[in-house]
């Protein structure tokens, strides 16, 4: 596995783990996983567009939460593709649908700021 693949996997695993912790009622444990996927994203960004492009592979991940979170972080870099993933997720149910809706709302009203460039 390349360093980029390892970081992408770390991002995906921690998004999934956060979702599971939230479902179990443990926001504090979920927040620890959030810090880890944010750290993985920050490391991916040190590779510039190559790191962001690697994360875009998660647009087709089997888990909706992982697809949504990767899309949320990549809206500026891959706007059309990320919006398409989020718009699809909004039509679903659960936490991923809510997160997708909130992300799109923040994007549309200009308050989105996960990857300012």
PDB file of N, CA and C in Angstrom:
ATOM      1  N   UNK A   1       0.836  -1.192   0.000  1.00  0.00           N
ATOM      2  CA  UNK A   1       0.000   0.000   0.000  1.00  0.00           C
ATOM      3  C   UNK A   1       0.874   1.246   0.000  1.00  0.00           C
ATOM      4  N   UNK A   2       0.475   2.234  -0.770  1.00  0.00           N
ATOM      5  CA  UNK A   2       1.213   3.494  -0.772  1.00  0.00           C
ATOM      6  C   UNK A   2       0.826   4.324   0.441  1.00  0.00           C
ATOM      7  N   UNK A   3       1.608   5.342   0.719  1.00  0.00           N
ATOM      8  CA  UNK A   3       1.313   6.241   1.838  1.00  0.00           C
ATOM      9  C   UNK A   3      -0.061   6.891   1.645  1.00  0.00           C
ATOM     10  N   UNK A   4      -0.373   7.292   0.409  1.00  0.00           N
ATOM     11  CA  UNK A   4      -1.675   7.897   0.144  1.00  0.00           C
ATOM     12  C   UNK A   4      -2.801   6.907   0.403  1.00  0.00           C
ATOM     13  N   UNK A   5      -2.649   5.674  -0.034  1.00  0.00           N
ATOM     14  CA  UNK A   5      -3.673   4.651   0.200  1.00  0.00           C
ATOM     15  C   UNK A   5      -3.877   4.396   1.687  1.00  0.00           C
ATOM     16  N   UNK A   6      -2.795   4.401   2.443  1.00  0.00           N
ATOM     17  CA  UNK A   6      -2.881   4.205   3.889  1.00  0.00           C
ATOM     18  C   UNK A   6      -3.661   5.342   4.536  1.00  0.00           C
ATOM     19  N   UNK A   7      -3.383   6.562   4.119  1.00  0.00           N
ATOM     20  CA  UNK A   7      -4.086   7.719   4.675  1.00  0.00           C
ATOM     21  C   UNK A   7      -5.568   7.709   4.297  1.00  0.00           C
ATOM     22  N   UNK A   8      -5.878   7.320   3.075  1.00  0.00           N
ATOM     23  CA  UNK A   8      -7.273   7.228   2.645  1.00  0.00           C
ATOM     24  C   UNK A   8      -7.994   6.169   3.470  1.00  0.00           C
ATOM     25  N   UNK A   9      -7.356   5.046   3.678  1.00  0.00           N
ATOM     26  CA  UNK A   9      -7.960   3.978   4.488  1.00  0.00           C
ATOM     27  C   UNK A   9      -8.152   4.443   5.931  1.00  0.00           C
ATOM     28  N   UNK A  10      -7.182   5.171   6.463  1.00  0.00           N
ATOM     29  CA  UNK A  10      -7.295   5.708   7.819  1.00  0.00           C
ATOM     30  C   UNK A  10      -8.483   6.664   7.907  1.00  0.00           C
ATOM     31  N   UNK A  11      -8.652   7.494   6.910  1.00  0.00           N
ATOM     32  CA  UNK A  11      -9.794   8.411   6.858  1.00  0.00           C
ATOM     33  C   UNK A  11     -11.091   7.612   6.890  1.00  0.00           C
ATOM     34  N   UNK A  12     -11.218   6.648   6.000  1.00  0.00           N
ATOM     35  CA  UNK A  12     -12.451   5.852   5.893  1.00  0.00           C
ATOM     36  C   UNK A  12     -12.744   5.094   7.183  1.00  0.00           C
ATOM     37  N   UNK A  13     -11.748   4.452   7.749  1.00  0.00           N
ATOM     38  CA  UNK A  13     -11.953   3.672   8.969  1.00  0.00           C
ATOM     39  C   UNK A  13     -12.413   4.549  10.125  1.00  0.00           C
ATOM     40  N   UNK A  14     -11.860   5.735  10.225  1.00  0.00           N
ATOM     41  CA  UNK A  14     -12.229   6.606  11.341  1.00  0.00           C
ATOM     42  C   UNK A  14     -13.585   7.257  11.147  1.00  0.00           C
ATOM     43  N   UNK A  15     -13.972   7.532   9.901  1.00  0.00           N
ATOM     44  CA  UNK A  15     -15.339   8.015   9.660  1.00  0.00           C
ATOM     45  C   UNK A  15     -16.335   6.937  10.088  1.00  0.00           C
ATOM     46  N   UNK A  16     -16.086   5.713   9.658  1.00  0.00           N
ATOM     47  CA  UNK A  16     -16.974   4.603  10.016  1.00  0.00           C
ATOM     48  C   UNK A  16     -17.006   4.398  11.532  1.00  0.00           C
ATOM     49  N   UNK A  17     -15.860   4.470  12.169  1.00  0.00           N
ATOM     50  CA  UNK A  17     -15.798   4.292  13.624  1.00  0.00           C
ATOM     51  C   UNK A  17     -16.540   5.415  14.347  1.00  0.00           C
ATOM     52  N   UNK A  18     -16.433   6.635  13.848  1.00  0.00           N
ATOM     53  CA  UNK A  18     -17.170   7.735  14.460  1.00  0.00           C
ATOM     54  C   UNK A  18     -18.676   7.488  14.366  1.00  0.00           C
ATOM     55  N   UNK A  19     -19.127   7.075  13.202  1.00  0.00           N
ATOM     56  CA  UNK A  19     -20.546   6.791  13.008  1.00  0.00           C
ATOM     57  C   UNK A  19     -21.019   5.724  13.992  1.00  0.00           C
ATOM     58  N   UNK A  20     -20.229   4.676  14.154  1.00  0.00           N
ATOM     59  CA  UNK A  20     -20.591   3.600  15.069  1.00  0.00           C
ATOM     60  C   UNK A  20     -20.655   4.092  16.513  1.00  0.00           C
ATOM     61  N   UNK A  21     -19.709   4.915  16.902  1.00  0.00           N
ATOM     62  CA  UNK A  21     -19.707   5.441  18.276  1.00  0.00           C
ATOM     63  C   UNK A  21     -20.918   6.337  18.513  1.00  0.00           C
ATOM     64  N   UNK A  22     -21.251   7.163  17.545  1.00  0.00           N
ATOM     65  CA  UNK A  22     -22.426   8.028  17.680  1.00  0.00           C
ATOM     66  C   UNK A  22     -23.686   7.171  17.811  1.00  0.00           C
ATOM     67  N   UNK A  23     -23.776   6.121  17.001  1.00  0.00           N
ATOM     68  CA  UNK A  23     -24.931   5.218  17.064  1.00  0.00           C
ATOM     69  C   UNK A  23     -25.041   4.550  18.431  1.00  0.00           C
ATOM     70  N   UNK A  24     -23.915   4.344  19.084  1.00  0.00           N
ATOM     71  CA  UNK A  24     -23.898   3.723  20.410  1.00  0.00           C
ATOM     72  C   UNK A  24     -24.105   4.763  21.522  1.00  0.00           C
ATOM     73  N   UNK A  25     -24.202   6.044  21.134  1.00  0.00           N
ATOM     74  CA  UNK A  25     -24.436   7.095  22.115  1.00  0.00           C
ATOM     75  C   UNK A  25     -23.187   7.688  22.727  1.00  0.00           C
ATOM     76  N   UNK A  26     -22.050   7.458  22.108  1.00  0.00           N
ATOM     77  CA  UNK A  26     -20.801   7.958  22.674  1.00  0.00           C
ATOM     78  C   UNK A  26     -20.194   9.032  21.767  1.00  0.00           C
ATOM     79  N   UNK A  27     -20.668  10.244  21.932  1.00  0.00           N
ATOM     80  CA  UNK A  27     -20.151  11.357  21.136  1.00  0.00           C
ATOM     81  C   UNK A  27     -18.672  11.612  21.427  1.00  0.00           C
ATOM     82  N   UNK A  28     -18.264  11.451  22.663  1.00  0.00           N
ATOM     83  CA  UNK A  28     -16.865  11.711  23.026  1.00  0.00           C
ATOM     84  C   UNK A  28     -15.926  10.765  22.289  1.00  0.00           C
ATOM     85  N   UNK A  29     -16.260   9.491  22.253  1.00  0.00           N
ATOM     86  CA  UNK A  29     -15.439   8.531  21.516  1.00  0.00           C
ATOM     87  C   UNK A  29     -15.509   8.829  20.019  1.00  0.00           C
ATOM     88  N   UNK A  30     -16.674   9.221  19.543  1.00  0.00           N
ATOM     89  CA  UNK A  30     -16.822   9.589  18.146  1.00  0.00           C
ATOM     90  C   UNK A  30     -15.931  10.760  17.779  1.00  0.00           C
ATOM     91  N   UNK A  31     -15.835  11.730  18.678  1.00  0.00           N
ATOM     92  CA  UNK A  31     -14.994  12.900  18.425  1.00  0.00           C
ATOM     93  C   UNK A  31     -13.522  12.532  18.304  1.00  0.00           C
ATOM     94  N   UNK A  32     -13.088  11.518  19.022  1.00  0.00           N
ATOM     95  CA  UNK A  32     -11.693  11.066  18.896  1.00  0.00           C
ATOM     96  C   UNK A  32     -11.437  10.545  17.483  1.00  0.00           C
ATOM     97  N   UNK A  33     -12.408   9.835  16.938  1.00  0.00           N
ATOM     98  CA  UNK A  33     -12.258   9.341  15.568  1.00  0.00           C
ATOM     99  C   UNK A  33     -12.308  10.492  14.566  1.00  0.00           C
ATOM    100  N   UNK A  34     -13.124  11.497  14.841  1.00  0.00           N
ATOM    101  CA  UNK A  34     -13.182  12.670  13.960  1.00  0.00           C
ATOM    102  C   UNK A  34     -11.813  13.348  13.899  1.00  0.00           C
ATOM    103  N   UNK A  35     -11.172  13.487  15.038  1.00  0.00           N
ATOM    104  CA  UNK A  35      -9.834  14.093  15.057  1.00  0.00           C
ATOM    105  C   UNK A  35      -8.865  13.283  14.203  1.00  0.00           C
ATOM    106  N   UNK A  36      -9.025  11.972  14.209  1.00  0.00           N
ATOM    107  CA  UNK A  36      -8.126  11.113  13.431  1.00  0.00           C
ATOM    108  C   UNK A  36      -8.364  11.243  11.935  1.00  0.00           C
ATOM    109  N   UNK A  37      -9.639  11.316  11.494  1.00  0.00           N
ATOM    110  CA  UNK A  37      -9.840  11.453  10.051  1.00  0.00           C
ATOM    111  C   UNK A  37      -9.489  12.856   9.580  1.00  0.00           C
ATOM    112  N   UNK A  38      -9.659  13.852  10.438  1.00  0.00           N
ATOM    113  CA  UNK A  38      -9.222  15.202  10.066  1.00  0.00           C
ATOM    114  C   UNK A  38      -7.704  15.235   9.933  1.00  0.00           C
ATOM    115  N   UNK A  39      -7.017  14.561  10.831  1.00  0.00           N
ATOM    116  CA  UNK A  39      -5.551  14.482  10.758  1.00  0.00           C
ATOM    117  C   UNK A  39      -5.122  13.763   9.479  1.00  0.00           C
ATOM    118  N   UNK A  40      -5.820  12.693   9.117  1.00  0.00           N
ATOM    119  CA  UNK A  40      -5.505  11.986   7.868  1.00  0.00           C
ATOM    120  C   UNK A  40      -5.722  12.904   6.675  1.00  0.00           C
ATOM    121  N   UNK A  41      -6.810  13.667   6.685  1.00  0.00           N
ATOM    122  CA  UNK A  41      -7.066  14.608   5.595  1.00  0.00           C
ATOM    123  C   UNK A  41      -5.956  15.657   5.520  1.00  0.00           C
ATOM    124  N   UNK A  42      -5.578  16.199   6.654  1.00  0.00           N
ATOM    125  CA  UNK A  42      -4.506  17.197   6.668  1.00  0.00           C
ATOM    126  C   UNK A  42      -3.215  16.625   6.077  1.00  0.00           C
ATOM    127  N   UNK A  43      -2.905  15.384   6.403  1.00  0.00           N
ATOM    128  CA  UNK A  43      -1.708  14.744   5.838  1.00  0.00           C
ATOM    129  C   UNK A  43      -1.865  14.550   4.335  1.00  0.00           C
ATOM    130  N   UNK A  44      -3.055  14.156   3.887  1.00  0.00           N
ATOM    131  CA  UNK A  44      -3.293  14.014   2.449  1.00  0.00           C
ATOM    132  C   UNK A  44      -3.084  15.345   1.741  1.00  0.00           C
ATOM    133  N   UNK A  45      -3.488  16.432   2.376  1.00  0.00           N
ATOM    134  CA  UNK A  45      -3.340  17.755   1.761  1.00  0.00           C
ATOM    135  C   UNK A  45      -1.884  18.171   1.598  1.00  0.00           C
ATOM    136  N   UNK A  46      -0.996  17.582   2.386  1.00  0.00           N
ATOM    137  CA  UNK A  46       0.423  17.912   2.213  1.00  0.00           C
ATOM    138  C   UNK A  46       0.946  17.405   0.869  1.00  0.00           C
ATOM    139  N   UNK A  47       0.207  16.488   0.244  1.00  0.00           N
ATOM    140  CA  UNK A  47       0.549  15.978  -1.078  1.00  0.00           C
ATOM    141  C   UNK A  47      -0.125  16.790  -2.185  1.00  0.00           C
ATOM    142  N   UNK A  48      -0.822  17.860  -1.803  1.00  0.00           N
ATOM    143  CA  UNK A  48      -1.494  18.716  -2.775  1.00  0.00           C
ATOM    144  C   UNK A  48      -2.652  17.996  -3.445  1.00  0.00           C
ATOM    145  N   UNK A  49      -2.839  18.291  -4.719  1.00  0.00           N
ATOM    146  CA  UNK A  49      -3.956  17.704  -5.448  1.00  0.00           C
ATOM    147  C   UNK A  49      -3.879  16.182  -5.504  1.00  0.00           C
ATOM    148  N   UNK A  50      -2.683  15.621  -5.489  1.00  0.00           N
ATOM    149  CA  UNK A  50      -2.553  14.162  -5.512  1.00  0.00           C
ATOM    150  C   UNK A  50      -3.193  13.543  -4.267  1.00  0.00           C
ATOM    151  N   UNK A  51      -3.029  14.179  -3.122  1.00  0.00           N
ATOM    152  CA  UNK A  51      -3.643  13.687  -1.893  1.00  0.00           C
ATOM    153  C   UNK A  51      -5.151  13.808  -1.926  1.00  0.00           C
ATOM    154  N   UNK A  52      -5.629  14.938  -2.434  1.00  0.00           N
ATOM    155  CA  UNK A  52      -7.079  15.127  -2.540  1.00  0.00           C
ATOM    156  C   UNK A  52      -7.674  14.156  -3.563  1.00  0.00           C
ATOM    157  N   UNK A  53      -6.974  13.959  -4.662  1.00  0.00           N
ATOM    158  CA  UNK A  53      -7.448  13.011  -5.679  1.00  0.00           C
ATOM    159  C   UNK A  53      -7.523  11.599  -5.106  1.00  0.00           C
ATOM    160  N   UNK A  54      -6.571  11.241  -4.263  1.00  0.00           N
ATOM    161  CA  UNK A  54      -6.590   9.916  -3.633  1.00  0.00           C
ATOM    162  C   UNK A  54      -7.832   9.763  -2.760  1.00  0.00           C
ATOM    163  N   UNK A  55      -8.190  10.811  -2.023  1.00  0.00           N
ATOM    164  CA  UNK A  55      -9.368  10.749  -1.163  1.00  0.00           C
ATOM    165  C   UNK A  55     -10.653  10.626  -1.978  1.00  0.00           C
ATOM    166  N   UNK A  56     -10.646  11.166  -3.183  1.00  0.00           N
ATOM    167  CA  UNK A  56     -11.834  11.101  -4.046  1.00  0.00           C
ATOM    168  C   UNK A  56     -12.207   9.666  -4.399  1.00  0.00           C
ATOM    169  N   UNK A  57     -11.285   8.742  -4.224  1.00  0.00           N
ATOM    170  CA  UNK A  57     -11.613   7.329  -4.448  1.00  0.00           C
ATOM    171  C   UNK A  57     -12.741   6.873  -3.521  1.00  0.00           C
ATOM    172  N   UNK A  58     -12.916   7.561  -2.413  1.00  0.00           N
ATOM    173  CA  UNK A  58     -13.958   7.186  -1.461  1.00  0.00           C
ATOM    174  C   UNK A  58     -15.357   7.606  -1.911  1.00  0.00           C
ATOM    175  N   UNK A  59     -15.466   8.318  -3.018  1.00  0.00           N
ATOM    176  CA  UNK A  59     -16.783   8.684  -3.549  1.00  0.00           C
ATOM    177  C   UNK A  59     -17.612   7.450  -3.888  1.00  0.00           C
ATOM    178  N   UNK A  60     -16.955   6.316  -4.070  1.00  0.00           N
ATOM    179  CA  UNK A  60     -17.663   5.079  -4.400  1.00  0.00           C
ATOM    180  C   UNK A  60     -17.569   4.040  -3.281  1.00  0.00           C
ATOM    181  N   UNK A  61     -17.190   4.463  -2.110  1.00  0.00           N
ATOM    182  CA  UNK A  61     -17.073   3.559  -0.961  1.00  0.00           C
ATOM    183  C   UNK A  61     -18.434   2.931  -0.669  1.00  0.00           C
ATOM    184  N   UNK A  62     -18.463   1.690  -0.192  1.00  0.00           N
ATOM    185  CA  UNK A  62     -19.741   1.037   0.109  1.00  0.00           C
ATOM    186  C   UNK A  62     -20.548   1.709   1.228  1.00  0.00           C
ATOM    187  N   UNK A  63     -19.898   2.425   2.120  1.00  0.00           N
ATOM    188  CA  UNK A  63     -20.604   3.077   3.238  1.00  0.00           C
ATOM    189  C   UNK A  63     -20.974   4.511   2.865  1.00  0.00           C
ATOM    190  N   UNK A  64     -22.232   4.858   3.067  1.00  0.00           N
ATOM    191  CA  UNK A  64     -22.706   6.213   2.764  1.00  0.00           C
ATOM    192  C   UNK A  64     -22.002   7.261   3.609  1.00  0.00           C
ATOM    193  N   UNK A  65     -21.762   6.965   4.889  1.00  0.00           N
ATOM    194  CA  UNK A  65     -21.111   7.951   5.753  1.00  0.00           C
ATOM    195  C   UNK A  65     -19.714   8.302   5.255  1.00  0.00           C
ATOM    196  N   UNK A  66     -18.996   7.315   4.758  1.00  0.00           N
ATOM    197  CA  UNK A  66     -17.650   7.545   4.237  1.00  0.00           C
ATOM    198  C   UNK A  66     -17.722   8.359   2.941  1.00  0.00           C
ATOM    199  N   UNK A  67     -18.647   8.002   2.055  1.00  0.00           N
ATOM    200  CA  UNK A  67     -18.821   8.769   0.808  1.00  0.00           C
ATOM    201  C   UNK A  67     -19.148  10.232   1.107  1.00  0.00           C
ATOM    202  N   UNK A  68     -20.070  10.435   2.044  1.00  0.00           N
ATOM    203  CA  UNK A  68     -20.498  11.789   2.391  1.00  0.00           C
ATOM    204  C   UNK A  68     -19.354  12.591   2.987  1.00  0.00           C
ATOM    205  N   UNK A  69     -18.624  12.006   3.912  1.00  0.00           N
ATOM    206  CA  UNK A  69     -17.548  12.763   4.554  1.00  0.00           C
ATOM    207  C   UNK A  69     -16.437  13.100   3.562  1.00  0.00           C
ATOM    208  N   UNK A  70     -16.064  12.154   2.719  1.00  0.00           N
ATOM    209  CA  UNK A  70     -15.042  12.448   1.705  1.00  0.00           C
ATOM    210  C   UNK A  70     -15.532  13.564   0.784  1.00  0.00           C
ATOM    211  N   UNK A  71     -16.784  13.509   0.400  1.00  0.00           N
ATOM    212  CA  UNK A  71     -17.360  14.543  -0.466  1.00  0.00           C
ATOM    213  C   UNK A  71     -17.390  15.889   0.225  1.00  0.00           C
ATOM    214  N   UNK A  72     -17.724  15.887   1.509  1.00  0.00           N
ATOM    215  CA  UNK A  72     -17.755  17.134   2.266  1.00  0.00           C
ATOM    216  C   UNK A  72     -16.385  17.804   2.268  1.00  0.00           C
ATOM    217  N   UNK A  73     -15.349  17.017   2.429  1.00  0.00           N
ATOM    218  CA  UNK A  73     -13.998  17.571   2.466  1.00  0.00           C
ATOM    219  C   UNK A  73     -13.484  17.969   1.085  1.00  0.00           C
ATOM    220  N   UNK A  74     -14.058  17.418   0.046  1.00  0.00           N
ATOM    221  CA  UNK A  74     -13.546  17.668  -1.310  1.00  0.00           C
ATOM    222  C   UNK A  74     -14.426  18.577  -2.158  1.00  0.00           C
ATOM    223  N   UNK A  75     -15.361  19.273  -1.564  1.00  0.00           N
ATOM    224  CA  UNK A  75     -16.261  20.131  -2.342  1.00  0.00           C
ATOM    225  C   UNK A  75     -15.521  21.180  -3.175  1.00  0.00           C
ATOM    226  N   UNK A  76     -14.527  21.801  -2.620  1.00  0.00           N
ATOM    227  CA  UNK A  76     -13.787  22.818  -3.372  1.00  0.00           C
ATOM    228  C   UNK A  76     -12.956  22.197  -4.488  1.00  0.00           C
ATOM    229  N   UNK A  77     -12.349  21.075  -4.202  1.00  0.00           N
ATOM    230  CA  UNK A  77     -11.429  20.444  -5.159  1.00  0.00           C
ATOM    231  C   UNK A  77     -12.158  19.699  -6.274  1.00  0.00           C
ATOM    232  N   UNK A  78     -13.223  19.006  -5.948  1.00  0.00           N
ATOM    233  CA  UNK A  78     -13.975  18.199  -6.911  1.00  0.00           C
ATOM    234  C   UNK A  78     -15.458  18.542  -6.812  1.00  0.00           C
ATOM    235  N   UNK A  79     -15.785  19.787  -7.063  1.00  0.00           N
ATOM    236  CA  UNK A  79     -17.120  20.307  -6.791  1.00  0.00           C
ATOM    237  C   UNK A  79     -18.238  19.473  -7.412  1.00  0.00           C
ATOM    238  N   UNK A  80     -18.203  19.261  -8.714  1.00  0.00           N
ATOM    239  CA  UNK A  80     -19.313  18.564  -9.384  1.00  0.00           C
ATOM    240  C   UNK A  80     -19.489  17.140  -8.861  1.00  0.00           C
ATOM    241  N   UNK A  81     -18.395  16.408  -8.759  1.00  0.00           N
ATOM    242  CA  UNK A  81     -18.480  15.016  -8.299  1.00  0.00           C
ATOM    243  C   UNK A  81     -18.907  14.944  -6.835  1.00  0.00           C
ATOM    244  N   UNK A  82     -18.353  15.817  -6.006  1.00  0.00           N
ATOM    245  CA  UNK A  82     -18.703  15.812  -4.584  1.00  0.00           C
ATOM    246  C   UNK A  82     -20.171  16.181  -4.383  1.00  0.00           C
ATOM    247  N   UNK A  83     -20.642  17.188  -5.103  1.00  0.00           N
ATOM    248  CA  UNK A  83     -22.054  17.567  -4.987  1.00  0.00           C
ATOM    249  C   UNK A  83     -22.963  16.425  -5.433  1.00  0.00           C
ATOM    250  N   UNK A  84     -22.580  15.720  -6.476  1.00  0.00           N
ATOM    251  CA  UNK A  84     -23.397  14.591  -6.949  1.00  0.00           C
ATOM    252  C   UNK A  84     -23.515  13.517  -5.869  1.00  0.00           C
ATOM    253  N   UNK A  85     -22.420  13.220  -5.190  1.00  0.00           N
ATOM    254  CA  UNK A  85     -22.448  12.227  -4.109  1.00  0.00           C
ATOM    255  C   UNK A  85     -23.346  12.719  -2.977  1.00  0.00           C
ATOM    256  N   UNK A  86     -23.207  13.977  -2.608  1.00  0.00           N
ATOM    257  CA  UNK A  86     -24.007  14.530  -1.518  1.00  0.00           C
ATOM    258  C   UNK A  86     -25.492  14.571  -1.878  1.00  0.00           C
ATOM    259  N   UNK A  87     -25.789  14.965  -3.100  1.00  0.00           N
ATOM    260  CA  UNK A  87     -27.190  15.016  -3.531  1.00  0.00           C
ATOM    261  C   UNK A  87     -27.820  13.630  -3.543  1.00  0.00           C
ATOM    262  N   UNK A  88     -27.060  12.620  -3.905  1.00  0.00           N
ATOM    263  CA  UNK A  88     -27.551  11.243  -3.855  1.00  0.00           C
ATOM    264  C   UNK A  88     -27.798  10.830  -2.408  1.00  0.00           C
ATOM    265  N   UNK A  89     -26.880  11.179  -1.523  1.00  0.00           N
ATOM    266  CA  UNK A  89     -27.006  10.801  -0.109  1.00  0.00           C
ATOM    267  C   UNK A  89     -28.212  11.462   0.549  1.00  0.00           C
ATOM    268  N   UNK A  90     -28.531  12.678   0.151  1.00  0.00           N
ATOM    269  CA  UNK A  90     -29.674  13.388   0.723  1.00  0.00           C
ATOM    270  C   UNK A  90     -30.964  12.613   0.497  1.00  0.00           C
ATOM    271  N   UNK A  91     -31.024  11.885  -0.588  1.00  0.00           N
ATOM    272  CA  UNK A  91     -32.228  11.103  -0.892  1.00  0.00           C
ATOM    273  C   UNK A  91     -32.339   9.848  -0.026  1.00  0.00           C
ATOM    274  N   UNK A  92     -31.285   9.554   0.718  1.00  0.00           N
ATOM    275  CA  UNK A  92     -31.297   8.386   1.587  1.00  0.00           C
ATOM    276  C   UNK A  92     -31.868   8.715   2.948  1.00  0.00           C
ATOM    277  N   UNK A  93     -31.486   7.908   3.915  1.00  0.00           N
ATOM    278  CA  UNK A  93     -31.977   8.070   5.277  1.00  0.00           C
ATOM    279  C   UNK A  93     -30.805   8.021   6.242  1.00  0.00           C
ATOM    280  N   UNK A  94     -31.076   8.440   7.450  1.00  0.00           N
ATOM    281  CA  UNK A  94     -30.095   8.324   8.512  1.00  0.00           C
ATOM    282  C   UNK A  94     -29.149   9.505   8.616  1.00  0.00           C
ATOM    283  N   UNK A  95     -28.106   9.292   9.402  1.00  0.00           N
ATOM    284  CA  UNK A  95     -27.141  10.335   9.711  1.00  0.00           C
ATOM    285  C   UNK A  95     -26.410  10.826   8.467  1.00  0.00           C
ATOM    286  N   UNK A  96     -26.074   9.936   7.556  1.00  0.00           N
ATOM    287  CA  UNK A  96     -25.359  10.347   6.334  1.00  0.00           C
ATOM    288  C   UNK A  96     -26.206  11.308   5.512  1.00  0.00           C
ATOM    289  N   UNK A  97     -27.507  11.065   5.434  1.00  0.00           N
ATOM    290  CA  UNK A  97     -28.399  11.962   4.688  1.00  0.00           C
ATOM    291  C   UNK A  97     -28.437  13.341   5.344  1.00  0.00           C
ATOM    292  N   UNK A  98     -28.512  13.362   6.659  1.00  0.00           N
ATOM    293  CA  UNK A  98     -28.514  14.630   7.389  1.00  0.00           C
ATOM    294  C   UNK A  98     -27.199  15.379   7.184  1.00  0.00           C
ATOM    295  N   UNK A  99     -26.102  14.674   7.306  1.00  0.00           N
ATOM    296  CA  UNK A  99     -24.790  15.303   7.114  1.00  0.00           C
ATOM    297  C   UNK A  99     -24.651  15.845   5.696  1.00  0.00           C
ATOM    298  N   UNK A 100     -25.135  15.097   4.710  1.00  0.00           N
ATOM    299  CA  UNK A 100     -25.073  15.552   3.328  1.00  0.00           C
ATOM    300  C   UNK A 100     -25.884  16.828   3.145  1.00  0.00           C
ATOM    301  N   UNK A 101     -27.080  16.860   3.724  1.00  0.00           N
ATOM    302  CA  UNK A 101     -27.931  18.051   3.611  1.00  0.00           C
ATOM    303  C   UNK A 101     -27.272  19.253   4.262  1.00  0.00           C
ATOM    304  N   UNK A 102     -26.719  19.069   5.433  1.00  0.00           N
ATOM    305  CA  UNK A 102     -26.049  20.174   6.127  1.00  0.00           C
ATOM    306  C   UNK A 102     -24.844  20.675   5.330  1.00  0.00           C
ATOM    307  N   UNK A 103     -24.090  19.762   4.764  1.00  0.00           N
ATOM    308  CA  UNK A 103     -22.927  20.143   3.970  1.00  0.00           C
ATOM    309  C   UNK A 103     -23.347  20.969   2.760  1.00  0.00           C
ATOM    310  N   UNK A 104     -24.368  20.506   2.053  1.00  0.00           N
ATOM    311  CA  UNK A 104     -24.845  21.247   0.890  1.00  0.00           C
ATOM    312  C   UNK A 104     -25.379  22.629   1.286  1.00  0.00           C
ATOM    313  N   UNK A 105     -26.066  22.700   2.397  1.00  0.00           N
ATOM    314  CA  UNK A 105     -26.579  23.988   2.873  1.00  0.00           C
ATOM    315  C   UNK A 105     -25.433  24.948   3.153  1.00  0.00           C
ATOM    316  N   UNK A 106     -24.399  24.469   3.850  1.00  0.00           N
ATOM    317  CA  UNK A 106     -23.234  25.316   4.145  1.00  0.00           C
ATOM    318  C   UNK A 106     -22.518  25.735   2.861  1.00  0.00           C
ATOM    319  N   UNK A 107     -22.430  24.835   1.901  1.00  0.00           N
ATOM    320  CA  UNK A 107     -21.794  25.150   0.617  1.00  0.00           C
ATOM    321  C   UNK A 107     -22.571  26.260  -0.089  1.00  0.00           C
ATOM    322  N   UNK A 108     -23.885  26.094  -0.142  1.00  0.00           N
ATOM    323  CA  UNK A 108     -24.732  27.045  -0.866  1.00  0.00           C
ATOM    324  C   UNK A 108     -24.780  28.420  -0.195  1.00  0.00           C
ATOM    325  N   UNK A 109     -24.702  28.468   1.144  1.00  0.00           N
ATOM    326  CA  UNK A 109     -24.779  29.777   1.784  1.00  0.00           C
ATOM    327  C   UNK A 109     -23.396  30.377   2.082  1.00  0.00           C
ATOM    328  N   UNK A 110     -22.352  29.713   1.601  1.00  0.00           N
ATOM    329  CA  UNK A 110     -21.013  30.266   1.689  1.00  0.00           C
ATOM    330  C   UNK A 110     -20.313  30.092   3.025  1.00  0.00           C
ATOM    331  N   UNK A 111     -20.808  29.201   3.886  1.00  0.00           N
ATOM    332  CA  UNK A 111     -20.179  28.992   5.184  1.00  0.00           C
ATOM    333  C   UNK A 111     -19.360  27.706   5.246  1.00  0.00           C
ATOM    334  N   UNK A 112     -19.260  26.977   4.140  1.00  0.00           N
ATOM    335  CA  UNK A 112     -18.458  25.755   4.084  1.00  0.00           C
ATOM    336  C   UNK A 112     -16.995  26.160   4.150  1.00  0.00           C
ATOM    337  N   UNK A 113     -16.191  25.472   4.955  1.00  0.00           N
ATOM    338  CA  UNK A 113     -14.777  25.849   5.085  1.00  0.00           C
ATOM    339  C   UNK A 113     -13.900  24.672   5.483  1.00  0.00           C
ATOM    340  N   UNK A 114     -14.151  23.482   4.964  1.00  0.00           N
ATOM    341  CA  UNK A 114     -13.340  22.331   5.375  1.00  0.00           C
ATOM    342  C   UNK A 114     -11.983  22.273   4.686  1.00  0.00           C
ATOM    343  N   UNK A 115     -11.880  22.775   3.479  1.00  0.00           N
ATOM    344  CA  UNK A 115     -10.618  22.741   2.741  1.00  0.00           C
ATOM    345  C   UNK A 115     -10.484  24.045   1.958  1.00  0.00           C
ATOM    346  N   UNK A 116     -10.107  25.116   2.652  1.00  0.00           N
ATOM    347  CA  UNK A 116     -10.091  26.428   2.007  1.00  0.00           C
ATOM    348  C   UNK A 116      -9.072  26.574   0.870  1.00  0.00           C
ATOM    349  N   UNK A 117      -8.193  25.597   0.726  1.00  0.00           N
ATOM    350  CA  UNK A 117      -7.282  25.670  -0.411  1.00  0.00           C
ATOM    351  C   UNK A 117      -5.941  25.997  -0.004  1.00  0.00           C
TER     352      UNK A 117
END
